[in-house]
Amino acid sequence: MKISLYLETSVPGAYLDNGDPFRRDLTIRWWEHELSEYQVYSSLLVQREFERIAEPHRSGYLSLIRPLEQLEIAEEVAILAEGYIERGFFIESSSPMPSTSPSHPFTRWTIW
C-alpha cells in the first residue's frame, strides 16, 4: 500500500521555479523518480489557485496537477478554515514561490 500524499501549490510551483534552479531541479528529480511511489492527491482549491496565474505559467502548473486524483473539499472544511483565518490562527503572507512571476497570487498561511 502506497503512502498518501497531498500536494498543494508549493511543490508544482517549485517544479517550474526558474528563480531557484537548485529547488527546481530537486523537485523535478523527485517528481520524475519518486512521485510514483506515492498515492498523490491534489484538490480543486489548488487548481483554482493555479487558474488565477497568468499565462504562460498557468498551463504549466495545471498540466502538472491534471493527472493527480482530486480530493473534494467538504463545506465543513472550508467553514473551519475560514474560522481559523478570521480568529487569527493563520495569517496570510506572501509566498516565496514561484519566482517565475512577480505578480503571482500564491499565498501561504502561517500558524500563530
N, C-alpha and C. Protein backbone atom coordinates (compact mmCIF):
# COMPACT_ATOMS: atom_id res chain seq x y z
N MET A 1 0.84 -1.18 0.00
CA MET A 1 0.00 0.00 0.00
C MET A 1 0.89 1.25 0.00
N LYS A 2 0.57 2.16 -0.89
CA LYS A 2 1.35 3.38 -1.01
C LYS A 2 0.93 4.40 0.06
N ILE A 3 1.87 5.21 0.45
CA ILE A 3 1.58 6.32 1.36
C ILE A 3 0.86 7.40 0.57
N SER A 4 -0.18 7.96 1.17
CA SER A 4 -0.93 9.05 0.52
C SER A 4 -0.20 10.36 0.73
N LEU A 5 -0.24 11.19 -0.30
CA LEU A 5 0.46 12.47 -0.26
C LEU A 5 -0.43 13.52 -0.91
N TYR A 6 -0.66 14.63 -0.20
CA TYR A 6 -1.44 15.73 -0.74
C TYR A 6 -0.48 16.82 -1.20
N LEU A 7 -0.61 17.22 -2.46
CA LEU A 7 0.23 18.29 -2.99
C LEU A 7 -0.58 19.56 -3.09
N GLU A 8 -0.15 20.58 -2.37
CA GLU A 8 -0.74 21.90 -2.53
C GLU A 8 0.13 22.66 -3.52
N THR A 9 0.06 23.94 -3.59
CA THR A 9 0.69 24.70 -4.66
C THR A 9 2.22 24.75 -4.63
N SER A 10 2.84 24.55 -3.48
CA SER A 10 4.28 24.78 -3.40
C SER A 10 5.11 23.77 -4.20
N VAL A 11 4.69 22.52 -4.27
CA VAL A 11 5.50 21.53 -4.98
C VAL A 11 5.45 21.74 -6.50
N PRO A 12 4.26 21.84 -7.10
CA PRO A 12 4.25 22.18 -8.53
C PRO A 12 4.89 23.54 -8.80
N GLY A 13 4.74 24.47 -7.85
CA GLY A 13 5.37 25.77 -8.01
C GLY A 13 6.88 25.67 -8.05
N ALA A 14 7.44 24.81 -7.22
CA ALA A 14 8.89 24.61 -7.21
C ALA A 14 9.37 23.94 -8.49
N TYR A 15 8.53 23.08 -9.06
CA TYR A 15 8.87 22.37 -10.29
C TYR A 15 9.15 23.35 -11.43
N LEU A 16 8.46 24.46 -11.43
CA LEU A 16 8.61 25.45 -12.50
C LEU A 16 9.31 26.72 -12.05
N ASP A 17 10.00 26.67 -10.91
CA ASP A 17 10.63 27.86 -10.33
C ASP A 17 12.00 28.13 -10.94
N ASN A 18 12.04 28.94 -11.98
CA ASN A 18 13.31 29.27 -12.62
C ASN A 18 14.17 30.21 -11.79
N GLY A 19 13.60 30.84 -10.78
CA GLY A 19 14.35 31.74 -9.92
C GLY A 19 15.23 31.02 -8.92
N ASP A 20 14.98 29.75 -8.69
CA ASP A 20 15.77 28.95 -7.76
C ASP A 20 16.07 27.61 -8.44
N PRO A 21 17.10 27.57 -9.28
CA PRO A 21 17.39 26.36 -10.06
C PRO A 21 17.63 25.11 -9.21
N PHE A 22 18.27 25.26 -8.06
CA PHE A 22 18.50 24.09 -7.21
C PHE A 22 17.18 23.50 -6.74
N ARG A 23 16.31 24.35 -6.25
CA ARG A 23 14.98 23.91 -5.78
C ARG A 23 14.18 23.29 -6.93
N ARG A 24 14.22 23.94 -8.08
CA ARG A 24 13.51 23.43 -9.25
C ARG A 24 14.03 22.05 -9.65
N ASP A 25 15.36 21.93 -9.77
CA ASP A 25 15.94 20.67 -10.22
C ASP A 25 15.69 19.54 -9.22
N LEU A 26 15.77 19.85 -7.94
CA LEU A 26 15.49 18.85 -6.91
C LEU A 26 14.03 18.38 -7.00
N THR A 27 13.13 19.33 -7.21
CA THR A 27 11.71 18.99 -7.32
C THR A 27 11.43 18.18 -8.58
N ILE A 28 12.03 18.56 -9.69
CA ILE A 28 11.84 17.81 -10.94
C ILE A 28 12.35 16.38 -10.77
N ARG A 29 13.51 16.24 -10.16
CA ARG A 29 14.08 14.90 -9.95
C ARG A 29 13.14 14.06 -9.07
N TRP A 30 12.62 14.66 -7.98
CA TRP A 30 11.69 13.95 -7.11
C TRP A 30 10.42 13.58 -7.88
N TRP A 31 9.88 14.54 -8.62
CA TRP A 31 8.64 14.32 -9.37
C TRP A 31 8.80 13.17 -10.37
N GLU A 32 9.91 13.16 -11.08
CA GLU A 32 10.12 12.16 -12.13
C GLU A 32 10.53 10.79 -11.60
N HIS A 33 11.17 10.73 -10.43
CA HIS A 33 11.70 9.46 -9.94
C HIS A 33 11.01 8.91 -8.70
N GLU A 34 10.33 9.75 -7.93
CA GLU A 34 9.76 9.27 -6.67
C GLU A 34 8.26 9.48 -6.53
N LEU A 35 7.69 10.36 -7.29
CA LEU A 35 6.26 10.65 -7.18
C LEU A 35 5.42 9.38 -7.33
N SER A 36 5.82 8.51 -8.22
CA SER A 36 5.05 7.28 -8.48
C SER A 36 5.04 6.32 -7.29
N GLU A 37 5.89 6.56 -6.31
CA GLU A 37 5.91 5.72 -5.12
C GLU A 37 4.80 6.07 -4.14
N TYR A 38 4.07 7.14 -4.40
CA TYR A 38 3.01 7.62 -3.52
C TYR A 38 1.66 7.60 -4.22
N GLN A 39 0.62 7.57 -3.42
CA GLN A 39 -0.73 7.82 -3.93
C GLN A 39 -0.91 9.33 -3.78
N VAL A 40 -0.85 10.06 -4.88
CA VAL A 40 -0.77 11.52 -4.83
C VAL A 40 -2.13 12.15 -5.13
N TYR A 41 -2.45 13.13 -4.32
CA TYR A 41 -3.72 13.85 -4.44
C TYR A 41 -3.45 15.35 -4.53
N SER A 42 -4.38 16.04 -5.12
CA SER A 42 -4.43 17.49 -5.09
C SER A 42 -5.89 17.84 -4.85
N SER A 43 -6.28 19.08 -5.09
CA SER A 43 -7.67 19.44 -4.85
C SER A 43 -8.10 20.57 -5.78
N LEU A 44 -9.38 20.79 -5.79
CA LEU A 44 -9.94 21.88 -6.57
C LEU A 44 -9.39 23.23 -6.09
N LEU A 45 -9.08 23.34 -4.82
CA LEU A 45 -8.50 24.59 -4.30
C LEU A 45 -7.17 24.88 -4.96
N VAL A 46 -6.35 23.86 -5.13
CA VAL A 46 -5.06 24.02 -5.80
C VAL A 46 -5.28 24.41 -7.25
N GLN A 47 -6.19 23.71 -7.90
CA GLN A 47 -6.49 24.03 -9.30
C GLN A 47 -6.95 25.47 -9.45
N ARG A 48 -7.84 25.91 -8.58
CA ARG A 48 -8.34 27.30 -8.65
C ARG A 48 -7.22 28.30 -8.45
N GLU A 49 -6.31 27.99 -7.54
CA GLU A 49 -5.18 28.89 -7.31
C GLU A 49 -4.33 29.00 -8.58
N PHE A 50 -4.07 27.88 -9.22
CA PHE A 50 -3.29 27.90 -10.46
C PHE A 50 -4.03 28.59 -11.59
N GLU A 51 -5.33 28.48 -11.62
CA GLU A 51 -6.11 29.13 -12.68
C GLU A 51 -6.02 30.65 -12.59
N ARG A 52 -5.63 31.18 -11.45
CA ARG A 52 -5.50 32.63 -11.27
C ARG A 52 -4.17 33.16 -11.78
N ILE A 53 -3.26 32.27 -12.15
CA ILE A 53 -1.94 32.65 -12.65
C ILE A 53 -2.05 33.04 -14.12
N ALA A 54 -1.29 34.04 -14.51
CA ALA A 54 -1.27 34.45 -15.92
C ALA A 54 -0.51 33.42 -16.76
N GLU A 55 -0.85 33.36 -18.02
CA GLU A 55 -0.09 32.52 -18.95
C GLU A 55 1.27 33.18 -19.18
N PRO A 56 2.29 32.44 -19.49
CA PRO A 56 2.27 31.03 -19.88
C PRO A 56 2.36 30.06 -18.70
N HIS A 57 2.51 30.56 -17.48
CA HIS A 57 2.72 29.70 -16.33
C HIS A 57 1.49 28.88 -15.96
N ARG A 58 0.31 29.45 -16.14
CA ARG A 58 -0.93 28.75 -15.77
C ARG A 58 -0.98 27.35 -16.38
N SER A 59 -0.76 27.26 -17.67
CA SER A 59 -0.85 25.97 -18.36
C SER A 59 0.15 24.96 -17.80
N GLY A 60 1.34 25.42 -17.49
CA GLY A 60 2.36 24.53 -16.93
C GLY A 60 1.94 23.95 -15.59
N TYR A 61 1.46 24.81 -14.70
CA TYR A 61 1.01 24.34 -13.39
C TYR A 61 -0.17 23.38 -13.52
N LEU A 62 -1.14 23.75 -14.34
CA LEU A 62 -2.33 22.91 -14.49
C LEU A 62 -1.99 21.56 -15.11
N SER A 63 -1.05 21.54 -16.04
CA SER A 63 -0.68 20.25 -16.65
C SER A 63 0.02 19.34 -15.65
N LEU A 64 0.72 19.92 -14.68
CA LEU A 64 1.37 19.10 -13.66
C LEU A 64 0.36 18.42 -12.75
N ILE A 65 -0.70 19.13 -12.38
CA ILE A 65 -1.65 18.54 -11.43
C ILE A 65 -2.78 17.77 -12.11
N ARG A 66 -2.95 17.94 -13.41
CA ARG A 66 -4.06 17.29 -14.12
C ARG A 66 -4.12 15.79 -13.88
N PRO A 67 -2.99 15.06 -13.93
CA PRO A 67 -3.08 13.60 -13.74
C PRO A 67 -3.34 13.17 -12.29
N LEU A 68 -3.24 14.10 -11.35
CA LEU A 68 -3.40 13.75 -9.94
C LEU A 68 -4.87 13.60 -9.58
N GLU A 69 -5.14 12.66 -8.69
CA GLU A 69 -6.50 12.49 -8.21
C GLU A 69 -6.89 13.72 -7.38
N GLN A 70 -8.08 14.24 -7.64
CA GLN A 70 -8.54 15.46 -6.97
C GLN A 70 -9.41 15.11 -5.76
N LEU A 71 -9.04 15.62 -4.61
CA LEU A 71 -9.85 15.45 -3.40
C LEU A 71 -10.95 16.49 -3.39
N GLU A 72 -12.11 16.08 -2.96
CA GLU A 72 -13.19 17.05 -2.79
C GLU A 72 -13.02 17.71 -1.44
N ILE A 73 -13.31 19.00 -1.40
CA ILE A 73 -13.22 19.74 -0.16
C ILE A 73 -14.64 19.90 0.39
N ALA A 74 -14.87 19.33 1.55
CA ALA A 74 -16.19 19.41 2.17
C ALA A 74 -16.47 20.84 2.62
N GLU A 75 -17.73 21.21 2.59
CA GLU A 75 -18.13 22.55 3.02
C GLU A 75 -17.68 22.81 4.45
N GLU A 76 -17.71 21.78 5.28
CA GLU A 76 -17.30 21.94 6.68
C GLU A 76 -15.83 22.34 6.78
N VAL A 77 -15.02 21.80 5.90
CA VAL A 77 -13.59 22.12 5.90
C VAL A 77 -13.39 23.59 5.53
N ALA A 78 -14.10 24.05 4.51
CA ALA A 78 -13.99 25.44 4.09
C ALA A 78 -14.44 26.38 5.21
N ILE A 79 -15.52 26.03 5.89
CA ILE A 79 -16.02 26.85 7.00
C ILE A 79 -15.00 26.87 8.14
N LEU A 80 -14.44 25.72 8.46
CA LEU A 80 -13.45 25.65 9.52
C LEU A 80 -12.21 26.48 9.18
N ALA A 81 -11.73 26.36 7.95
CA ALA A 81 -10.56 27.14 7.53
C ALA A 81 -10.83 28.63 7.63
N GLU A 82 -12.00 29.05 7.17
CA GLU A 82 -12.36 30.47 7.25
C GLU A 82 -12.40 30.94 8.70
N GLY A 83 -12.94 30.10 9.58
CA GLY A 83 -12.97 30.43 11.01
C GLY A 83 -11.58 30.58 11.60
N TYR A 84 -10.67 29.71 11.22
CA TYR A 84 -9.29 29.81 11.69
C TYR A 84 -8.66 31.12 11.25
N ILE A 85 -8.90 31.47 10.00
CA ILE A 85 -8.34 32.71 9.46
C ILE A 85 -8.93 33.92 10.18
N GLU A 86 -10.25 33.94 10.34
CA GLU A 86 -10.92 35.07 10.99
C GLU A 86 -10.47 35.24 12.44
N ARG A 87 -10.17 34.16 13.12
CA ARG A 87 -9.77 34.22 14.52
C ARG A 87 -8.26 34.43 14.70
N GLY A 88 -7.55 34.54 13.60
CA GLY A 88 -6.13 34.85 13.68
C GLY A 88 -5.22 33.66 13.91
N PHE A 89 -5.74 32.43 13.77
CA PHE A 89 -4.87 31.26 13.92
C PHE A 89 -3.89 31.16 12.75
N PHE A 90 -4.31 31.66 11.60
CA PHE A 90 -3.45 31.71 10.42
C PHE A 90 -3.41 33.15 9.95
N ILE A 91 -2.25 33.57 9.47
CA ILE A 91 -2.17 34.89 8.86
C ILE A 91 -1.68 34.71 7.43
N GLU A 92 -2.16 35.54 6.55
CA GLU A 92 -1.77 35.46 5.16
C GLU A 92 -0.45 36.18 4.98
N SER A 93 0.47 35.54 4.27
CA SER A 93 1.75 36.18 3.97
C SER A 93 2.15 35.81 2.56
N SER A 94 3.04 36.59 1.98
CA SER A 94 3.49 36.30 0.62
C SER A 94 4.28 35.02 0.59
N SER A 95 4.08 34.27 -0.45
CA SER A 95 4.80 33.02 -0.61
C SER A 95 6.12 33.27 -1.32
N PRO A 96 7.14 32.50 -0.97
CA PRO A 96 8.40 32.64 -1.68
C PRO A 96 8.39 31.96 -3.04
N MET A 97 7.25 31.40 -3.45
CA MET A 97 7.20 30.70 -4.72
C MET A 97 5.98 31.11 -5.49
N PRO A 98 5.92 30.94 -6.73
CA PRO A 98 7.05 30.70 -7.60
C PRO A 98 7.66 32.02 -8.00
N SER A 99 8.93 32.06 -8.22
CA SER A 99 9.56 33.32 -8.59
C SER A 99 9.51 33.57 -10.09
N THR A 100 8.83 32.69 -10.82
CA THR A 100 8.71 32.88 -12.26
C THR A 100 7.80 34.04 -12.61
N SER A 101 6.98 34.47 -11.67
CA SER A 101 6.05 35.56 -11.94
C SER A 101 6.01 36.49 -10.74
N PRO A 102 6.40 37.75 -10.91
CA PRO A 102 6.44 38.66 -9.77
C PRO A 102 5.06 39.02 -9.23
N SER A 103 4.01 38.79 -9.99
CA SER A 103 2.68 39.17 -9.51
C SER A 103 1.79 37.94 -9.34
N HIS A 104 2.36 36.89 -8.74
CA HIS A 104 1.59 35.66 -8.57
C HIS A 104 0.63 35.80 -7.39
N PRO A 105 -0.49 35.06 -7.42
CA PRO A 105 -1.47 35.16 -6.36
C PRO A 105 -1.26 34.16 -5.23
N PHE A 106 -0.16 33.42 -5.23
CA PHE A 106 0.03 32.42 -4.21
C PHE A 106 0.13 33.05 -2.84
N THR A 107 -0.44 32.40 -1.90
CA THR A 107 -0.30 32.81 -0.51
C THR A 107 0.04 31.58 0.30
N ARG A 108 0.59 31.80 1.45
CA ARG A 108 0.78 30.70 2.38
C ARG A 108 0.21 31.15 3.71
N TRP A 109 -0.04 30.24 4.56
CA TRP A 109 -0.65 30.55 5.84
C TRP A 109 0.30 30.16 6.95
N THR A 110 0.53 31.07 7.87
CA THR A 110 1.41 30.84 9.00
C THR A 110 0.55 30.66 10.24
N ILE A 111 0.82 29.61 11.00
CA ILE A 111 0.06 29.37 12.23
C ILE A 111 0.69 30.17 13.36
N TRP A 112 -0.15 30.89 14.08
CA TRP A 112 0.31 31.66 15.24
C TRP A 112 -0.17 31.01 16.50
